[in-house]
């Protein structure tokens, strides 16, 4: 039979080992979470850049679209005028 002090020391030793193990696991998880957070920040920055590029492309396409609509309108008016002139000539 162990002396009560030896038994208490053994229990304290086990508790210390368990505490050290838990503490190490907490550090590993904290490091992993920090790394994942850094990855997410980087992905967020990349997505923001991509979004800006897409918005710029959208603006370019809207300008081209506006230009094409104007051109179509001019051509339609020209065709309409030509048709009117042909009717008057007949």
N, C-alpha and C. Protein backbone atom coordinates (compact mmCIF):
# COMPACT_ATOMS: atom_id res chain seq x y z
N UNK A 1 0.85 -1.18 0.00
CA UNK A 1 0.00 0.00 0.00
C UNK A 1 0.90 1.24 0.00
N UNK A 2 0.49 2.23 -0.85
CA UNK A 2 1.28 3.45 -0.96
C UNK A 2 0.96 4.38 0.20
N UNK A 3 1.99 5.11 0.54
CA UNK A 3 1.82 6.14 1.57
C UNK A 3 0.92 7.23 0.97
N UNK A 4 0.06 7.86 1.76
CA UNK A 4 -0.84 8.88 1.23
C UNK A 4 -0.12 10.02 0.50
N UNK A 5 1.07 10.36 0.94
CA UNK A 5 1.82 11.43 0.27
C UNK A 5 2.27 10.95 -1.11
N UNK A 6 2.76 9.70 -1.19
CA UNK A 6 3.17 9.15 -2.48
C UNK A 6 1.98 9.07 -3.43
N UNK A 7 0.84 8.66 -2.89
CA UNK A 7 -0.37 8.58 -3.69
C UNK A 7 -0.78 9.96 -4.20
N UNK A 8 -0.69 10.96 -3.34
CA UNK A 8 -1.04 12.34 -3.72
C UNK A 8 -0.06 12.86 -4.77
N UNK A 9 1.22 12.54 -4.60
CA UNK A 9 2.23 12.98 -5.58
C UNK A 9 1.98 12.31 -6.93
N UNK A 10 1.60 11.07 -6.92
CA UNK A 10 1.29 10.37 -8.16
C UNK A 10 0.09 11.00 -8.85
N UNK A 11 -0.92 11.33 -8.07
CA UNK A 11 -2.11 11.97 -8.63
C UNK A 11 -1.76 13.35 -9.19
N UNK A 12 -0.91 14.09 -8.47
CA UNK A 12 -0.48 15.41 -8.95
C UNK A 12 0.34 15.28 -10.23
N UNK A 13 1.19 14.26 -10.28
CA UNK A 13 1.99 14.03 -11.49
C UNK A 13 1.10 13.73 -12.68
N UNK A 14 0.08 12.89 -12.47
CA UNK A 14 -0.85 12.57 -13.56
C UNK A 14 -1.62 13.82 -13.99
N UNK A 15 -2.07 14.59 -13.01
CA UNK A 15 -2.81 15.82 -13.32
C UNK A 15 -1.93 16.80 -14.09
N UNK A 16 -0.66 16.87 -13.70
CA UNK A 16 0.27 17.78 -14.39
C UNK A 16 0.48 17.33 -15.84
N UNK A 17 0.63 16.02 -16.04
CA UNK A 17 0.79 15.49 -17.40
C UNK A 17 -0.45 15.81 -18.24
N UNK A 18 -1.61 15.60 -17.65
CA UNK A 18 -2.85 15.87 -18.37
C UNK A 18 -2.96 17.36 -18.70
N UNK A 19 -2.64 18.23 -17.75
CA UNK A 19 -2.69 19.68 -17.97
C UNK A 19 -1.73 20.07 -19.09
N UNK A 20 -0.52 19.50 -19.08
CA UNK A 20 0.47 19.82 -20.12
C UNK A 20 -0.03 19.37 -21.48
N UNK A 21 -0.64 18.19 -21.54
CA UNK A 21 -1.18 17.67 -22.80
C UNK A 21 -2.29 18.58 -23.33
N UNK A 22 -3.20 18.97 -22.45
CA UNK A 22 -4.31 19.85 -22.84
C UNK A 22 -3.75 21.20 -23.28
N UNK A 23 -2.79 21.72 -22.55
CA UNK A 23 -2.18 23.01 -22.89
C UNK A 23 -1.52 22.97 -24.26
N UNK A 24 -0.80 21.88 -24.55
CA UNK A 24 -0.17 21.74 -25.87
C UNK A 24 -1.21 21.66 -26.98
N UNK A 25 -2.29 20.93 -26.72
CA UNK A 25 -3.36 20.84 -27.71
C UNK A 25 -4.00 22.21 -27.96
N UNK A 26 -4.18 22.99 -26.90
CA UNK A 26 -4.75 24.33 -27.06
C UNK A 26 -3.84 25.20 -27.93
N UNK A 27 -2.53 25.09 -27.72
CA UNK A 27 -1.59 25.87 -28.53
C UNK A 27 -1.65 25.43 -30.00
N UNK A 28 -1.73 24.12 -30.23
CA UNK A 28 -1.83 23.62 -31.60
C UNK A 28 -3.10 24.14 -32.27
N UNK A 29 -4.23 24.07 -31.54
CA UNK A 29 -5.48 24.55 -32.11
C UNK A 29 -5.44 26.05 -32.35
N UNK A 30 -4.84 26.79 -31.43
CA UNK A 30 -4.73 28.24 -31.60
C UNK A 30 -3.88 28.57 -32.82
N UNK A 31 -2.78 27.84 -33.00
CA UNK A 31 -1.94 28.06 -34.18
C UNK A 31 -2.70 27.72 -35.47
N UNK A 32 -3.43 26.63 -35.44
CA UNK A 32 -4.19 26.22 -36.62
C UNK A 32 -5.28 27.24 -36.95
N UNK A 33 -5.97 27.71 -35.93
CA UNK A 33 -7.03 28.71 -36.14
C UNK A 33 -6.43 29.99 -36.68
N UNK A 34 -5.28 30.40 -36.15
CA UNK A 34 -4.61 31.61 -36.65
C UNK A 34 -4.21 31.44 -38.11
N UNK A 35 -3.70 30.27 -38.47
CA UNK A 35 -3.31 30.01 -39.86
C UNK A 35 -4.53 30.04 -40.77
N UNK A 36 -5.62 29.41 -40.33
CA UNK A 36 -6.84 29.41 -41.13
C UNK A 36 -7.38 30.82 -41.28
N UNK A 37 -7.31 31.61 -40.21
CA UNK A 37 -7.76 33.00 -40.27
C UNK A 37 -6.94 33.79 -41.27
N UNK A 38 -5.63 33.54 -41.29
CA UNK A 38 -4.76 34.22 -42.24
C UNK A 38 -5.11 33.81 -43.66
N UNK A 39 -5.37 32.52 -43.87
CA UNK A 39 -5.78 32.04 -45.20
C UNK A 39 -7.09 32.69 -45.63
N UNK A 40 -8.03 32.82 -44.70
CA UNK A 40 -9.31 33.42 -45.03
C UNK A 40 -9.15 34.90 -45.38
N UNK A 41 -8.28 35.59 -44.66
CA UNK A 41 -8.03 36.99 -44.97
C UNK A 41 -7.44 37.13 -46.38
N UNK A 42 -6.51 36.25 -46.71
CA UNK A 42 -5.89 36.28 -48.03
C UNK A 42 -6.94 35.99 -49.11
N UNK A 43 -7.78 35.00 -48.89
CA UNK A 43 -8.83 34.67 -49.86
C UNK A 43 -9.80 35.83 -50.00
N UNK A 44 -10.11 36.49 -48.88
CA UNK A 44 -11.01 37.64 -48.91
C UNK A 44 -10.42 38.76 -49.75
N UNK A 45 -9.12 39.01 -49.60
CA UNK A 45 -8.45 40.03 -50.39
C UNK A 45 -8.47 39.67 -51.88
N UNK A 46 -8.21 38.40 -52.19
CA UNK A 46 -8.24 37.95 -53.58
C UNK A 46 -9.64 38.12 -54.18
N UNK A 47 -10.67 37.77 -53.40
CA UNK A 47 -12.04 37.91 -53.89
C UNK A 47 -12.40 39.38 -54.08
N UNK A 48 -11.91 40.24 -53.20
CA UNK A 48 -12.18 41.67 -53.35
C UNK A 48 -11.53 42.20 -54.63
N UNK A 49 -10.31 41.77 -54.92
CA UNK A 49 -9.63 42.19 -56.15
C UNK A 49 -10.40 41.67 -57.37
N UNK A 50 -10.85 40.42 -57.30
CA UNK A 50 -11.60 39.84 -58.40
C UNK A 50 -12.92 40.59 -58.61
N UNK A 51 -13.56 40.95 -57.51
CA UNK A 51 -14.81 41.69 -57.60
C UNK A 51 -14.59 43.05 -58.25
N UNK A 52 -13.51 43.72 -57.88
CA UNK A 52 -13.20 45.02 -58.48
C UNK A 52 -12.95 44.87 -59.98
N UNK A 53 -12.20 43.83 -60.36
CA UNK A 53 -11.94 43.58 -61.78
C UNK A 53 -13.24 43.31 -62.54
N UNK A 54 -14.14 42.54 -61.93
CA UNK A 54 -15.42 42.25 -62.57
C UNK A 54 -16.28 43.51 -62.70
N UNK A 55 -16.24 44.36 -61.69
CA UNK A 55 -17.00 45.61 -61.76
C UNK A 55 -16.45 46.51 -62.86
N UNK A 56 -15.14 46.55 -63.00
CA UNK A 56 -14.53 47.35 -64.07
C UNK A 56 -14.93 46.79 -65.44
N UNK A 57 -14.91 45.46 -65.57
CA UNK A 57 -15.32 44.83 -66.82
C UNK A 57 -16.79 45.13 -67.11
N UNK A 58 -17.62 45.09 -66.09
CA UNK A 58 -19.04 45.40 -66.23
C UNK A 58 -19.22 46.83 -66.73
N UNK A 59 -18.47 47.77 -66.15
CA UNK A 59 -18.55 49.17 -66.59
C UNK A 59 -18.15 49.31 -68.05
N UNK A 60 -17.08 48.60 -68.44
CA UNK A 60 -16.65 48.63 -69.84
C UNK A 60 -17.74 48.11 -70.77
N UNK A 61 -18.36 47.01 -70.38
CA UNK A 61 -19.42 46.42 -71.20
C UNK A 61 -20.63 47.34 -71.28
N UNK A 62 -20.95 48.01 -70.19
CA UNK A 62 -22.07 48.95 -70.21
C UNK A 62 -21.79 50.11 -71.17
N UNK A 63 -20.54 50.59 -71.16
CA UNK A 63 -20.18 51.67 -72.08
C UNK A 63 -20.29 51.20 -73.52
N UNK A 64 -19.81 49.99 -73.80
CA UNK A 64 -19.91 49.44 -75.16
C UNK A 64 -21.38 49.25 -75.53
N UNK A 65 -22.16 48.75 -74.59
CA UNK A 65 -23.58 48.54 -74.83
C UNK A 65 -24.26 49.87 -75.15
N UNK A 66 -23.95 50.88 -74.39
CA UNK A 66 -24.52 52.20 -74.62
C UNK A 66 -24.12 52.73 -75.99
N UNK A 67 -22.88 52.52 -76.35
CA UNK A 67 -22.39 52.95 -77.66
C UNK A 67 -23.11 52.20 -78.78
N UNK A 68 -23.31 50.90 -78.59
CA UNK A 68 -24.01 50.11 -79.61
C UNK A 68 -25.48 50.52 -79.72
N UNK A 69 -26.10 50.78 -78.61
CA UNK A 69 -27.50 51.22 -78.64
C UNK A 69 -27.61 52.55 -79.39
N UNK A 70 -26.67 53.44 -79.14
CA UNK A 70 -26.67 54.73 -79.83
C UNK A 70 -26.49 54.52 -81.34
N UNK A 71 -25.56 53.65 -81.69
CA UNK A 71 -25.30 53.36 -83.11
C UNK A 71 -26.52 52.74 -83.77
N UNK A 72 -27.18 51.81 -83.09
CA UNK A 72 -28.39 51.18 -83.63
C UNK A 72 -29.48 52.22 -83.82
N UNK A 73 -29.60 53.10 -82.86
CA UNK A 73 -30.60 54.16 -82.95
C UNK A 73 -30.32 55.06 -84.16
N UNK A 74 -29.07 55.41 -84.36
CA UNK A 74 -28.70 56.24 -85.52
C UNK A 74 -29.00 55.52 -86.83
N UNK A 75 -28.64 54.25 -86.90
CA UNK A 75 -28.89 53.47 -88.12
C UNK A 75 -30.39 53.31 -88.38
N UNK A 76 -31.15 53.08 -87.32
CA UNK A 76 -32.60 52.95 -87.47
C UNK A 76 -33.19 54.25 -88.00
N UNK A 77 -32.72 55.35 -87.45
CA UNK A 77 -33.21 56.65 -87.92
C UNK A 77 -32.83 56.88 -89.39
N UNK A 78 -31.61 56.50 -89.74
CA UNK A 78 -31.14 56.65 -91.12
C UNK A 78 -31.99 55.80 -92.07
N UNK A 79 -32.26 54.56 -91.69
CA UNK A 79 -33.09 53.67 -92.51
C UNK A 79 -34.49 54.25 -92.65
N UNK A 80 -35.02 54.74 -91.53
CA UNK A 80 -36.35 55.33 -91.55
C UNK A 80 -36.40 56.54 -92.48
N UNK A 81 -35.40 57.37 -92.43
CA UNK A 81 -35.33 58.54 -93.31
C UNK A 81 -35.22 58.11 -94.77
N UNK A 82 -34.39 57.11 -95.04
CA UNK A 82 -34.24 56.61 -96.42
C UNK A 82 -35.56 56.06 -96.94
N UNK A 83 -36.28 55.31 -96.10
CA UNK A 83 -37.57 54.76 -96.51
C UNK A 83 -38.56 55.88 -96.78
N UNK A 84 -38.54 56.91 -95.95
CA UNK A 84 -39.44 58.05 -96.15
C UNK A 84 -39.13 58.75 -97.47
N UNK A 85 -37.86 58.91 -97.75
CA UNK A 85 -37.43 59.56 -99.00
C UNK A 85 -37.86 58.74 -100.22
N UNK A 86 -37.76 57.40 -100.11
CA UNK A 86 -38.17 56.53 -101.22
C UNK A 86 -39.66 56.64 -101.46
N UNK A 87 -40.45 56.73 -100.40
CA UNK A 87 -41.91 56.85 -100.55
C UNK A 87 -42.26 58.17 -101.22
N UNK A 88 -41.54 59.23 -100.83
CA UNK A 88 -41.82 60.53 -101.43
C UNK A 88 -41.44 60.53 -102.91
N UNK A 89 -40.40 59.78 -103.24
CA UNK A 89 -39.95 59.74 -104.63
C UNK A 89 -40.95 59.02 -105.51
N UNK A 90 -41.69 58.09 -104.95
CA UNK A 90 -42.67 57.35 -105.76
C UNK A 90 -43.86 58.20 -105.95
